[in-house]
Amino acid sequence: MSTETNKGFVATLLSLFDIRNVIGALLAVYGIILLLMGLFADPEVDKTGGPNANLWAGVILLVIGAAFIAWGVLRPVVPDAPGSHEDE
């Protein structure tokens, strides 16, 4: 593997662990769980005053999680690869 290819691979690997991707993935997982609970569990509308709280919270978390992931994909932060700085 050449040095340029190695730097590109390391930079891509490091950008996967950007905090926006981690937060977006966690919000999306929680959103899916709440969405499924809202669809298949008892909505208990008497406790919430009408709306299905799990369903709406799941939809909102999915939208926010998708926005975080899209932000990370559309505007990536590519850190310098370790060892790329040379002493001047």
C-alpha atoms as a PDB file:
ATOM      1  CA  MET A   1       0.000   0.000   0.000  1.00  0.00           C
ATOM      2  CA  SER A   2       1.469   3.371  -0.972  1.00  0.00           C
ATOM      3  CA  THR A   3       1.910   6.204   1.515  1.00  0.00           C
ATOM      4  CA  GLU A   4      -0.826   8.365  -0.077  1.00  0.00           C
ATOM      5  CA  THR A   5      -3.306   5.478  -0.103  1.00  0.00           C
ATOM      6  CA  ASN A   6      -2.422   4.662   3.497  1.00  0.00           C
ATOM      7  CA  LYS A   7      -3.000   8.289   4.592  1.00  0.00           C
ATOM      8  CA  GLY A   8      -6.368   8.366   2.803  1.00  0.00           C
ATOM      9  CA  PHE A   9      -7.437   5.115   4.409  1.00  0.00           C
ATOM     10  CA  VAL A  10      -6.431   6.243   7.901  1.00  0.00           C
ATOM     11  CA  ALA A  11      -8.168   9.605   7.433  1.00  0.00           C
ATOM     12  CA  THR A  12     -11.360   7.865   6.294  1.00  0.00           C
ATOM     13  CA  LEU A  13     -11.197   5.462   9.221  1.00  0.00           C
ATOM     14  CA  LEU A  14     -10.695   8.304  11.696  1.00  0.00           C
ATOM     15  CA  SER A  15     -13.571  10.317  10.225  1.00  0.00           C
ATOM     16  CA  LEU A  16     -15.957   7.414  10.877  1.00  0.00           C
ATOM     17  CA  PHE A  17     -15.612   8.064  14.600  1.00  0.00           C
ATOM     18  CA  ASP A  18     -16.599  11.713  14.300  1.00  0.00           C
ATOM     19  CA  ILE A  19     -18.824  12.627  17.250  1.00  0.00           C
ATOM     20  CA  ARG A  20     -21.643  13.633  14.875  1.00  0.00           C
ATOM     21  CA  ASN A  21     -21.794  10.100  13.474  1.00  0.00           C
ATOM     22  CA  VAL A  22     -21.801   8.537  16.935  1.00  0.00           C
ATOM     23  CA  ILE A  23     -24.547  10.852  18.214  1.00  0.00           C
ATOM     24  CA  GLY A  24     -26.591  10.395  15.040  1.00  0.00           C
ATOM     25  CA  ALA A  25     -26.348   6.606  15.260  1.00  0.00           C
ATOM     26  CA  LEU A  26     -27.387   6.571  18.923  1.00  0.00           C
ATOM     27  CA  LEU A  27     -30.341   8.867  18.290  1.00  0.00           C
ATOM     28  CA  ALA A  28     -31.391   6.736  15.320  1.00  0.00           C
ATOM     29  CA  VAL A  29     -31.231   3.516  17.378  1.00  0.00           C
ATOM     30  CA  TYR A  30     -33.313   5.052  20.178  1.00  0.00           C
ATOM     31  CA  GLY A  31     -35.685   6.469  17.574  1.00  0.00           C
ATOM     32  CA  ILE A  32     -36.219   3.054  15.990  1.00  0.00           C
ATOM     33  CA  ILE A  33     -36.907   1.497  19.394  1.00  0.00           C
ATOM     34  CA  LEU A  34     -39.445   4.190  20.305  1.00  0.00           C
ATOM     35  CA  LEU A  35     -41.033   4.062  16.853  1.00  0.00           C
ATOM     36  CA  LEU A  36     -41.534   0.309  17.143  1.00  0.00           C
ATOM     37  CA  MET A  37     -42.911   0.716  20.663  1.00  0.00           C
ATOM     38  CA  GLY A  38     -45.295   3.372  19.385  1.00  0.00           C
ATOM     39  CA  LEU A  39     -46.486   1.154  16.544  1.00  0.00           C
ATOM     40  CA  PHE A  40     -46.787  -2.197  18.319  1.00  0.00           C
ATOM     41  CA  ALA A  41     -47.194  -1.501  22.055  1.00  0.00           C
ATOM     42  CA  ASP A  42     -50.192  -0.134  23.889  1.00  0.00           C
ATOM     43  CA  PRO A  43     -50.276   3.618  23.120  1.00  0.00           C
ATOM     44  CA  GLU A  44     -51.651   4.479  26.606  1.00  0.00           C
ATOM     45  CA  VAL A  45     -53.258   7.662  25.313  1.00  0.00           C
ATOM     46  CA  ASP A  46     -54.979   8.253  28.658  1.00  0.00           C
ATOM     47  CA  LYS A  47     -51.561   8.964  30.250  1.00  0.00           C
ATOM     48  CA  THR A  48     -50.438  11.390  27.529  1.00  0.00           C
ATOM     49  CA  GLY A  49     -53.703  13.177  26.914  1.00  0.00           C
ATOM     50  CA  GLY A  50     -54.217  11.892  23.392  1.00  0.00           C
ATOM     51  CA  PRO A  51     -51.108  11.579  21.234  1.00  0.00           C
ATOM     52  CA  ASN A  52     -48.986   8.453  21.033  1.00  0.00           C
ATOM     53  CA  ALA A  53     -45.866   9.816  22.754  1.00  0.00           C
ATOM     54  CA  ASN A  54     -43.580   6.901  21.841  1.00  0.00           C
ATOM     55  CA  LEU A  55     -44.476   7.146  18.179  1.00  0.00           C
ATOM     56  CA  TRP A  56     -43.880  10.882  17.913  1.00  0.00           C
ATOM     57  CA  ALA A  57     -40.712  10.826  20.015  1.00  0.00           C
ATOM     58  CA  GLY A  58     -39.375   8.010  17.813  1.00  0.00           C
ATOM     59  CA  VAL A  59     -40.106   9.937  14.620  1.00  0.00           C
ATOM     60  CA  ILE A  60     -38.454  13.083  15.983  1.00  0.00           C
ATOM     61  CA  LEU A  61     -35.363  11.162  17.162  1.00  0.00           C
ATOM     62  CA  LEU A  62     -35.050   9.487  13.757  1.00  0.00           C
ATOM     63  CA  VAL A  63     -35.213  12.846  11.986  1.00  0.00           C
ATOM     64  CA  ILE A  64     -32.614  14.395  14.295  1.00  0.00           C
ATOM     65  CA  GLY A  65     -30.374  11.325  14.025  1.00  0.00           C
ATOM     66  CA  ALA A  66     -30.619  11.435  10.216  1.00  0.00           C
ATOM     67  CA  ALA A  67     -29.735  15.139  10.296  1.00  0.00           C
ATOM     68  CA  PHE A  68     -26.606  14.438  12.385  1.00  0.00           C
ATOM     69  CA  ILE A  69     -25.511  11.633  10.061  1.00  0.00           C
ATOM     70  CA  ALA A  70     -26.179  13.763   6.970  1.00  0.00           C
ATOM     71  CA  TRP A  71     -24.184  16.602   8.536  1.00  0.00           C
ATOM     72  CA  GLY A  72     -21.261  14.261   9.132  1.00  0.00           C
ATOM     73  CA  VAL A  73     -21.410  12.887   5.576  1.00  0.00           C
ATOM     74  CA  LEU A  74     -21.919  16.183   3.769  1.00  0.00           C
ATOM     75  CA  ARG A  75     -19.340  18.174   5.772  1.00  0.00           C
ATOM     76  CA  PRO A  76     -16.735  15.634   6.885  1.00  0.00           C
ATOM     77  CA  VAL A  77     -13.876  16.550   9.134  1.00  0.00           C
ATOM     78  CA  VAL A  78     -10.812  14.717   7.869  1.00  0.00           C
ATOM     79  CA  PRO A  79      -8.127  14.756  10.544  1.00  0.00           C
ATOM     80  CA  ASP A  80      -4.467  14.493   9.719  1.00  0.00           C
ATOM     81  CA  ALA A  81      -3.162  10.960   9.742  1.00  0.00           C
ATOM     82  CA  PRO A  82      -0.908  10.108  12.680  1.00  0.00           C
ATOM     83  CA  GLY A  83       2.728  10.743  11.851  1.00  0.00           C
ATOM     84  CA  SER A  84       1.917  13.044   8.913  1.00  0.00           C
ATOM     85  CA  HIS A  85       3.526  16.071  10.607  1.00  0.00           C
ATOM     86  CA  GLU A  86       7.247  16.201  10.120  1.00  0.00           C
ATOM     87  CA  ASP A  87       9.639  18.250  12.221  1.00  0.00           C
ATOM     88  CA  GLU A  88      10.473  21.458  10.423  1.00  0.00           C
END
